[in-house]
């Protein structure tokens, strides 16, 4: 059985809602992704509700450059017309 390389982080977002939004966008661009809780900034929100804390968005290593380009285009307001 061939083992896949572990996913790599493309970005970190403040909460699960933002992570779902980023993943939805990447999936619409044809890039598979997932997200998980990260301990970045652990303790900085002690006692303050934050929808689960920071999340890292993960993609396959082969998709990293395409994911970065897609997210950069989204930040600039340039969306794919495919």
PDB file of N, CA and C in Angstrom:
ATOM      1  N   UNK A   1       0.836  -1.174   0.000  1.00  0.00           N
ATOM      2  CA  UNK A   1       0.000   0.000   0.000  1.00  0.00           C
ATOM      3  C   UNK A   1       0.891   1.251   0.000  1.00  0.00           C
ATOM      4  N   UNK A   2       0.657   2.126  -0.943  1.00  0.00           N
ATOM      5  CA  UNK A   2       1.436   3.363  -1.061  1.00  0.00           C
ATOM      6  C   UNK A   2       1.004   4.356   0.012  1.00  0.00           C
ATOM      7  N   UNK A   3       1.977   4.945   0.675  1.00  0.00           N
ATOM      8  CA  UNK A   3       1.675   5.904   1.718  1.00  0.00           C
ATOM      9  C   UNK A   3       1.726   7.317   1.153  1.00  0.00           C
ATOM     10  N   UNK A   4       0.689   8.079   1.434  1.00  0.00           N
ATOM     11  CA  UNK A   4       0.624   9.463   0.975  1.00  0.00           C
ATOM     12  C   UNK A   4       1.464  10.349   1.883  1.00  0.00           C
ATOM     13  N   UNK A   5       2.042  11.415   1.317  1.00  0.00           N
ATOM     14  CA  UNK A   5       2.786  12.350   2.167  1.00  0.00           C
ATOM     15  C   UNK A   5       1.811  13.085   3.088  1.00  0.00           C
ATOM     16  N   UNK A   6       2.270  13.491   4.248  1.00  0.00           N
ATOM     17  CA  UNK A   6       1.374  14.217   5.162  1.00  0.00           C
ATOM     18  C   UNK A   6       0.984  15.567   4.571  1.00  0.00           C
ATOM     19  N   UNK A   7      -0.210  16.046   4.924  1.00  0.00           N
ATOM     20  CA  UNK A   7      -0.632  17.356   4.420  1.00  0.00           C
ATOM     21  C   UNK A   7       0.242  18.461   5.000  1.00  0.00           C
ATOM     22  N   UNK A   8       0.235  19.596   4.317  1.00  0.00           N
ATOM     23  CA  UNK A   8       1.015  20.759   4.751  1.00  0.00           C
ATOM     24  C   UNK A   8       0.082  21.950   4.976  1.00  0.00           C
ATOM     25  N   UNK A   9       0.502  22.837   5.852  1.00  0.00           N
ATOM     26  CA  UNK A   9      -0.309  24.012   6.178  1.00  0.00           C
ATOM     27  C   UNK A   9      -0.169  25.066   5.094  1.00  0.00           C
ATOM     28  N   UNK A  10      -1.322  25.564   4.640  1.00  0.00           N
ATOM     29  CA  UNK A  10      -1.307  26.654   3.665  1.00  0.00           C
ATOM     30  C   UNK A  10      -1.598  27.994   4.343  1.00  0.00           C
ATOM     31  N   UNK A  11      -2.374  27.970   5.433  1.00  0.00           N
ATOM     32  CA  UNK A  11      -2.669  29.199   6.165  1.00  0.00           C
ATOM     33  C   UNK A  11      -3.220  28.858   7.541  1.00  0.00           C
ATOM     34  N   UNK A  12      -3.272  29.846   8.395  1.00  0.00           N
ATOM     35  CA  UNK A  12      -3.904  29.728   9.704  1.00  0.00           C
ATOM     36  C   UNK A  12      -4.984  30.800   9.776  1.00  0.00           C
ATOM     37  N   UNK A  13      -6.149  30.411  10.256  1.00  0.00           N
ATOM     38  CA  UNK A  13      -7.280  31.335  10.382  1.00  0.00           C
ATOM     39  C   UNK A  13      -7.753  31.345  11.832  1.00  0.00           C
ATOM     40  N   UNK A  14      -8.508  32.363  12.227  1.00  0.00           N
ATOM     41  CA  UNK A  14      -8.840  32.524  13.642  1.00  0.00           C
ATOM     42  C   UNK A  14      -9.821  31.513  14.236  1.00  0.00           C
ATOM     43  N   UNK A  15     -10.665  30.882  13.403  1.00  0.00           N
ATOM     44  CA  UNK A  15     -11.674  29.982  13.970  1.00  0.00           C
ATOM     45  C   UNK A  15     -12.197  28.999  12.912  1.00  0.00           C
ATOM     46  N   UNK A  16     -13.088  28.111  13.358  1.00  0.00           N
ATOM     47  CA  UNK A  16     -13.614  27.068  12.479  1.00  0.00           C
ATOM     48  C   UNK A  16     -14.458  27.628  11.338  1.00  0.00           C
ATOM     49  N   UNK A  17     -15.191  28.678  11.596  1.00  0.00           N
ATOM     50  CA  UNK A  17     -16.017  29.285  10.546  1.00  0.00           C
ATOM     51  C   UNK A  17     -15.131  29.786   9.407  1.00  0.00           C
ATOM     52  N   UNK A  18     -14.062  30.470   9.747  1.00  0.00           N
ATOM     53  CA  UNK A  18     -13.131  30.967   8.728  1.00  0.00           C
ATOM     54  C   UNK A  18     -12.460  29.809   7.997  1.00  0.00           C
ATOM     55  N   UNK A  19     -12.115  28.747   8.727  1.00  0.00           N
ATOM     56  CA  UNK A  19     -11.487  27.581   8.105  1.00  0.00           C
ATOM     57  C   UNK A  19     -12.436  26.916   7.108  1.00  0.00           C
ATOM     58  N   UNK A  20     -13.705  26.805   7.471  1.00  0.00           N
ATOM     59  CA  UNK A  20     -14.696  26.236   6.549  1.00  0.00           C
ATOM     60  C   UNK A  20     -14.822  27.092   5.289  1.00  0.00           C
ATOM     61  N   UNK A  21     -14.792  28.396   5.456  1.00  0.00           N
ATOM     62  CA  UNK A  21     -14.889  29.311   4.323  1.00  0.00           C
ATOM     63  C   UNK A  21     -13.694  29.163   3.388  1.00  0.00           C
ATOM     64  N   UNK A  22     -12.489  29.123   3.958  1.00  0.00           N
ATOM     65  CA  UNK A  22     -11.279  28.966   3.150  1.00  0.00           C
ATOM     66  C   UNK A  22     -11.303  27.625   2.423  1.00  0.00           C
ATOM     67  N   UNK A  23     -11.664  26.559   3.137  1.00  0.00           N
ATOM     68  CA  UNK A  23     -11.715  25.238   2.495  1.00  0.00           C
ATOM     69  C   UNK A  23     -12.773  25.192   1.391  1.00  0.00           C
ATOM     70  N   UNK A  24     -13.905  25.817   1.606  1.00  0.00           N
ATOM     71  CA  UNK A  24     -14.935  25.859   0.558  1.00  0.00           C
ATOM     72  C   UNK A  24     -14.402  26.543  -0.693  1.00  0.00           C
ATOM     73  N   UNK A  25     -13.694  27.640  -0.490  1.00  0.00           N
ATOM     74  CA  UNK A  25     -13.109  28.354  -1.625  1.00  0.00           C
ATOM     75  C   UNK A  25     -12.085  27.487  -2.348  1.00  0.00           C
ATOM     76  N   UNK A  26     -11.185  26.867  -1.590  1.00  0.00           N
ATOM     77  CA  UNK A  26     -10.156  26.022  -2.211  1.00  0.00           C
ATOM     78  C   UNK A  26     -10.788  24.848  -2.948  1.00  0.00           C
ATOM     79  N   UNK A  27     -11.799  24.233  -2.364  1.00  0.00           N
ATOM     80  CA  UNK A  27     -12.478  23.115  -3.037  1.00  0.00           C
ATOM     81  C   UNK A  27     -13.134  23.567  -4.329  1.00  0.00           C
ATOM     82  N   UNK A  28     -13.681  24.771  -4.333  1.00  0.00           N
ATOM     83  CA  UNK A  28     -14.271  25.310  -5.568  1.00  0.00           C
ATOM     84  C   UNK A  28     -13.211  25.514  -6.644  1.00  0.00           C
ATOM     85  N   UNK A  29     -11.965  25.705  -6.216  1.00  0.00           N
ATOM     86  CA  UNK A  29     -10.846  25.850  -7.144  1.00  0.00           C
ATOM     87  C   UNK A  29     -10.243  24.495  -7.517  1.00  0.00           C
ATOM     88  N   UNK A  30     -10.833  23.400  -7.008  1.00  0.00           N
ATOM     89  CA  UNK A  30     -10.362  22.061  -7.337  1.00  0.00           C
ATOM     90  C   UNK A  30      -9.238  21.557  -6.441  1.00  0.00           C
ATOM     91  N   UNK A  31      -9.049  22.185  -5.291  1.00  0.00           N
ATOM     92  CA  UNK A  31      -7.973  21.819  -4.370  1.00  0.00           C
ATOM     93  C   UNK A  31      -8.580  21.160  -3.131  1.00  0.00           C
ATOM     94  N   UNK A  32      -8.198  19.918  -2.896  1.00  0.00           N
ATOM     95  CA  UNK A  32      -8.687  19.220  -1.706  1.00  0.00           C
ATOM     96  C   UNK A  32      -8.017  19.803  -0.471  1.00  0.00           C
ATOM     97  N   UNK A  33      -8.787  19.960   0.595  1.00  0.00           N
ATOM     98  CA  UNK A  33      -8.214  20.502   1.821  1.00  0.00           C
ATOM     99  C   UNK A  33      -8.991  20.020   3.032  1.00  0.00           C
ATOM    100  N   UNK A  34      -8.424  20.299   4.179  1.00  0.00           N
ATOM    101  CA  UNK A  34      -9.047  20.004   5.457  1.00  0.00           C
ATOM    102  C   UNK A  34      -8.490  21.011   6.454  1.00  0.00           C
ATOM    103  N   UNK A  35      -9.025  21.016   7.661  1.00  0.00           N
ATOM    104  CA  UNK A  35      -8.491  21.912   8.684  1.00  0.00           C
ATOM    105  C   UNK A  35      -8.530  21.226  10.032  1.00  0.00           C
ATOM    106  N   UNK A  36      -7.701  21.730  10.931  1.00  0.00           N
ATOM    107  CA  UNK A  36      -7.648  21.187  12.286  1.00  0.00           C
ATOM    108  C   UNK A  36      -7.234  22.286  13.253  1.00  0.00           C
ATOM    109  N   UNK A  37      -7.530  22.033  14.521  1.00  0.00           N
ATOM    110  CA  UNK A  37      -7.176  22.979  15.577  1.00  0.00           C
ATOM    111  C   UNK A  37      -5.657  23.053  15.676  1.00  0.00           C
ATOM    112  N   UNK A  38      -5.160  24.244  15.908  1.00  0.00           N
ATOM    113  CA  UNK A  38      -3.738  24.437  16.157  1.00  0.00           C
ATOM    114  C   UNK A  38      -3.575  25.104  17.514  1.00  0.00           C
ATOM    115  N   UNK A  39      -2.431  24.936  18.110  1.00  0.00           N
ATOM    116  CA  UNK A  39      -2.209  25.575  19.408  1.00  0.00           C
ATOM    117  C   UNK A  39      -1.514  26.923  19.278  1.00  0.00           C
ATOM    118  N   UNK A  40      -1.486  27.469  18.090  1.00  0.00           N
ATOM    119  CA  UNK A  40      -0.899  28.788  17.871  1.00  0.00           C
ATOM    120  C   UNK A  40      -1.606  29.809  18.759  1.00  0.00           C
ATOM    121  N   UNK A  41      -0.862  30.519  19.520  1.00  0.00           N
ATOM    122  CA  UNK A  41      -1.444  31.521  20.412  1.00  0.00           C
ATOM    123  C   UNK A  41      -2.170  30.912  21.593  1.00  0.00           C
ATOM    124  N   UNK A  42      -1.805  29.701  21.970  1.00  0.00           N
ATOM    125  CA  UNK A  42      -2.470  29.030  23.087  1.00  0.00           C
ATOM    126  C   UNK A  42      -2.464  29.926  24.318  1.00  0.00           C
ATOM    127  N   UNK A  43      -3.616  30.061  24.927  1.00  0.00           N
ATOM    128  CA  UNK A  43      -3.744  30.863  26.136  1.00  0.00           C
ATOM    129  C   UNK A  43      -4.081  32.320  25.894  1.00  0.00           C
ATOM    130  N   UNK A  44      -3.950  32.771  24.657  1.00  0.00           N
ATOM    131  CA  UNK A  44      -4.190  34.197  24.414  1.00  0.00           C
ATOM    132  C   UNK A  44      -5.666  34.560  24.497  1.00  0.00           C
ATOM    133  N   UNK A  45      -6.551  33.578  24.393  1.00  0.00           N
ATOM    134  CA  UNK A  45      -7.987  33.833  24.450  1.00  0.00           C
ATOM    135  C   UNK A  45      -8.602  33.227  25.703  1.00  0.00           C
ATOM    136  N   UNK A  46      -7.824  32.998  26.726  1.00  0.00           N
ATOM    137  CA  UNK A  46      -8.344  32.362  27.943  1.00  0.00           C
ATOM    138  C   UNK A  46      -9.617  33.046  28.422  1.00  0.00           C
ATOM    139  N   UNK A  47     -10.684  32.254  28.527  1.00  0.00           N
ATOM    140  CA  UNK A  47     -11.948  32.757  29.042  1.00  0.00           C
ATOM    141  C   UNK A  47     -12.793  33.510  28.044  1.00  0.00           C
ATOM    142  N   UNK A  48     -12.317  33.676  26.813  1.00  0.00           N
ATOM    143  CA  UNK A  48     -13.072  34.412  25.805  1.00  0.00           C
ATOM    144  C   UNK A  48     -13.538  33.431  24.725  1.00  0.00           C
ATOM    145  N   UNK A  49     -14.844  33.375  24.459  1.00  0.00           N
ATOM    146  CA  UNK A  49     -15.323  32.467  23.401  1.00  0.00           C
ATOM    147  C   UNK A  49     -14.722  32.852  22.057  1.00  0.00           C
ATOM    148  N   UNK A  50     -14.229  31.856  21.313  1.00  0.00           N
ATOM    149  CA  UNK A  50     -13.583  32.147  20.034  1.00  0.00           C
ATOM    150  C   UNK A  50     -13.866  31.050  19.015  1.00  0.00           C
ATOM    151  N   UNK A  51     -15.023  30.436  19.066  1.00  0.00           N
ATOM    152  CA  UNK A  51     -15.437  29.399  18.113  1.00  0.00           C
ATOM    153  C   UNK A  51     -14.369  28.323  17.941  1.00  0.00           C
ATOM    154  N   UNK A  52     -13.753  27.901  19.028  1.00  0.00           N
ATOM    155  CA  UNK A  52     -12.823  26.784  18.962  1.00  0.00           C
ATOM    156  C   UNK A  52     -11.370  27.137  18.776  1.00  0.00           C
ATOM    157  N   UNK A  53     -11.040  28.377  18.564  1.00  0.00           N
ATOM    158  CA  UNK A  53      -9.652  28.770  18.443  1.00  0.00           C
ATOM    159  C   UNK A  53      -9.106  28.690  17.028  1.00  0.00           C
ATOM    160  N   UNK A  54      -7.841  29.021  16.923  1.00  0.00           N
ATOM    161  CA  UNK A  54      -7.178  29.073  15.616  1.00  0.00           C
ATOM    162  C   UNK A  54      -7.175  27.696  14.952  1.00  0.00           C
ATOM    163  N   UNK A  55      -7.289  27.687  13.634  1.00  0.00           N
ATOM    164  CA  UNK A  55      -7.291  26.455  12.852  1.00  0.00           C
ATOM    165  C   UNK A  55      -6.269  26.599  11.738  1.00  0.00           C
ATOM    166  N   UNK A  56      -5.597  25.505  11.429  1.00  0.00           N
ATOM    167  CA  UNK A  56      -4.705  25.518  10.273  1.00  0.00           C
ATOM    168  C   UNK A  56      -5.387  24.794   9.127  1.00  0.00           C
ATOM    169  N   UNK A  57      -5.291  25.377   7.941  1.00  0.00           N
ATOM    170  CA  UNK A  57      -5.861  24.799   6.735  1.00  0.00           C
ATOM    171  C   UNK A  57      -4.757  24.006   6.051  1.00  0.00           C
ATOM    172  N   UNK A  58      -5.057  22.750   5.742  1.00  0.00           N
ATOM    173  CA  UNK A  58      -4.068  21.814   5.208  1.00  0.00           C
ATOM    174  C   UNK A  58      -4.413  21.381   3.793  1.00  0.00           C
ATOM    175  N   UNK A  59      -3.379  21.209   2.975  1.00  0.00           N
ATOM    176  CA  UNK A  59      -3.533  20.702   1.603  1.00  0.00           C
ATOM    177  C   UNK A  59      -2.428  19.683   1.347  1.00  0.00           C
ATOM    178  N   UNK A  60      -2.554  18.947   0.268  1.00  0.00           N
ATOM    179  CA  UNK A  60      -1.498  18.023  -0.139  1.00  0.00           C
ATOM    180  C   UNK A  60      -0.277  18.844  -0.557  1.00  0.00           C
ATOM    181  N   UNK A  61       0.924  18.333  -0.300  1.00  0.00           N
ATOM    182  CA  UNK A  61       2.133  19.074  -0.697  1.00  0.00           C
ATOM    183  C   UNK A  61       2.125  19.474  -2.170  1.00  0.00           C
ATOM    184  N   UNK A  62       1.610  18.612  -3.027  1.00  0.00           N
ATOM    185  CA  UNK A  62       1.580  18.913  -4.461  1.00  0.00           C
ATOM    186  C   UNK A  62       0.643  20.074  -4.800  1.00  0.00           C
ATOM    187  N   UNK A  63      -0.309  20.379  -3.914  1.00  0.00           N
ATOM    188  CA  UNK A  63      -1.288  21.446  -4.151  1.00  0.00           C
ATOM    189  C   UNK A  63      -0.926  22.760  -3.452  1.00  0.00           C
ATOM    190  N   UNK A  64       0.184  22.774  -2.725  1.00  0.00           N
ATOM    191  CA  UNK A  64       0.515  23.941  -1.917  1.00  0.00           C
ATOM    192  C   UNK A  64       0.648  25.220  -2.740  1.00  0.00           C
ATOM    193  N   UNK A  65       1.388  25.177  -3.827  1.00  0.00           N
ATOM    194  CA  UNK A  65       1.576  26.392  -4.637  1.00  0.00           C
ATOM    195  C   UNK A  65       0.255  26.882  -5.226  1.00  0.00           C
ATOM    196  N   UNK A  66      -0.557  25.952  -5.732  1.00  0.00           N
ATOM    197  CA  UNK A  66      -1.856  26.333  -6.309  1.00  0.00           C
ATOM    198  C   UNK A  66      -2.766  26.928  -5.242  1.00  0.00           C
ATOM    199  N   UNK A  67      -2.742  26.360  -4.043  1.00  0.00           N
ATOM    200  CA  UNK A  67      -3.564  26.880  -2.944  1.00  0.00           C
ATOM    201  C   UNK A  67      -3.116  28.281  -2.554  1.00  0.00           C
ATOM    202  N   UNK A  68      -1.811  28.483  -2.465  1.00  0.00           N
ATOM    203  CA  UNK A  68      -1.298  29.820  -2.131  1.00  0.00           C
ATOM    204  C   UNK A  68      -1.692  30.845  -3.184  1.00  0.00           C
ATOM    205  N   UNK A  69      -1.588  30.455  -4.452  1.00  0.00           N
ATOM    206  CA  UNK A  69      -1.970  31.364  -5.538  1.00  0.00           C
ATOM    207  C   UNK A  69      -3.460  31.690  -5.474  1.00  0.00           C
ATOM    208  N   UNK A  70      -4.291  30.681  -5.235  1.00  0.00           N
ATOM    209  CA  UNK A  70      -5.733  30.898  -5.166  1.00  0.00           C
ATOM    210  C   UNK A  70      -6.077  31.844  -4.013  1.00  0.00           C
ATOM    211  N   UNK A  71      -5.473  31.621  -2.863  1.00  0.00           N
ATOM    212  CA  UNK A  71      -5.757  32.490  -1.718  1.00  0.00           C
ATOM    213  C   UNK A  71      -5.237  33.903  -1.942  1.00  0.00           C
ATOM    214  N   UNK A  72      -4.083  34.041  -2.563  1.00  0.00           N
ATOM    215  CA  UNK A  72      -3.550  35.372  -2.873  1.00  0.00           C
ATOM    216  C   UNK A  72      -4.469  36.099  -3.848  1.00  0.00           C
ATOM    217  N   UNK A  73      -4.977  35.385  -4.850  1.00  0.00           N
ATOM    218  CA  UNK A  73      -5.903  35.985  -5.810  1.00  0.00           C
ATOM    219  C   UNK A  73      -7.186  36.421  -5.124  1.00  0.00           C
ATOM    220  N   UNK A  74      -7.665  35.599  -4.195  1.00  0.00           N
ATOM    221  CA  UNK A  74      -8.891  35.948  -3.468  1.00  0.00           C
ATOM    222  C   UNK A  74      -8.681  37.212  -2.650  1.00  0.00           C
ATOM    223  N   UNK A  75      -7.525  37.347  -2.020  1.00  0.00           N
ATOM    224  CA  UNK A  75      -7.239  38.551  -1.231  1.00  0.00           C
ATOM    225  C   UNK A  75      -7.194  39.792  -2.105  1.00  0.00           C
ATOM    226  N   UNK A  76      -6.788  39.626  -3.361  1.00  0.00           N
ATOM    227  CA  UNK A  76      -6.716  40.750  -4.291  1.00  0.00           C
ATOM    228  C   UNK A  76      -8.041  40.978  -5.010  1.00  0.00           C
ATOM    229  N   UNK A  77      -9.021  40.088  -4.780  1.00  0.00           N
ATOM    230  CA  UNK A  77     -10.309  40.206  -5.440  1.00  0.00           C
ATOM    231  C   UNK A  77     -10.334  39.645  -6.837  1.00  0.00           C
ATOM    232  N   UNK A  78      -9.325  38.835  -7.178  1.00  0.00           N
ATOM    233  CA  UNK A  78      -9.255  38.232  -8.506  1.00  0.00           C
ATOM    234  C   UNK A  78      -9.677  36.773  -8.376  1.00  0.00           C
ATOM    235  N   UNK A  79     -10.831  36.434  -8.926  1.00  0.00           N
ATOM    236  CA  UNK A  79     -11.316  35.063  -8.829  1.00  0.00           C
ATOM    237  C   UNK A  79     -11.245  34.380 -10.178  1.00  0.00           C
ATOM    238  N   UNK A  80     -11.067  33.071 -10.136  1.00  0.00           N
ATOM    239  CA  UNK A  80     -10.993  32.263 -11.339  1.00  0.00           C
ATOM    240  C   UNK A  80     -12.299  32.340 -12.110  1.00  0.00           C
ATOM    241  N   UNK A  81     -12.216  32.372 -13.417  1.00  0.00           N
ATOM    242  CA  UNK A  81     -13.424  32.425 -14.246  1.00  0.00           C
ATOM    243  C   UNK A  81     -13.676  31.087 -14.932  1.00  0.00           C
ATOM    244  N   UNK A  82     -13.022  30.022 -14.444  1.00  0.00           N
ATOM    245  CA  UNK A  82     -13.215  28.696 -15.036  1.00  0.00           C
ATOM    246  C   UNK A  82     -14.593  28.165 -14.801  1.00  0.00           C
TER     247      UNK A  82
END
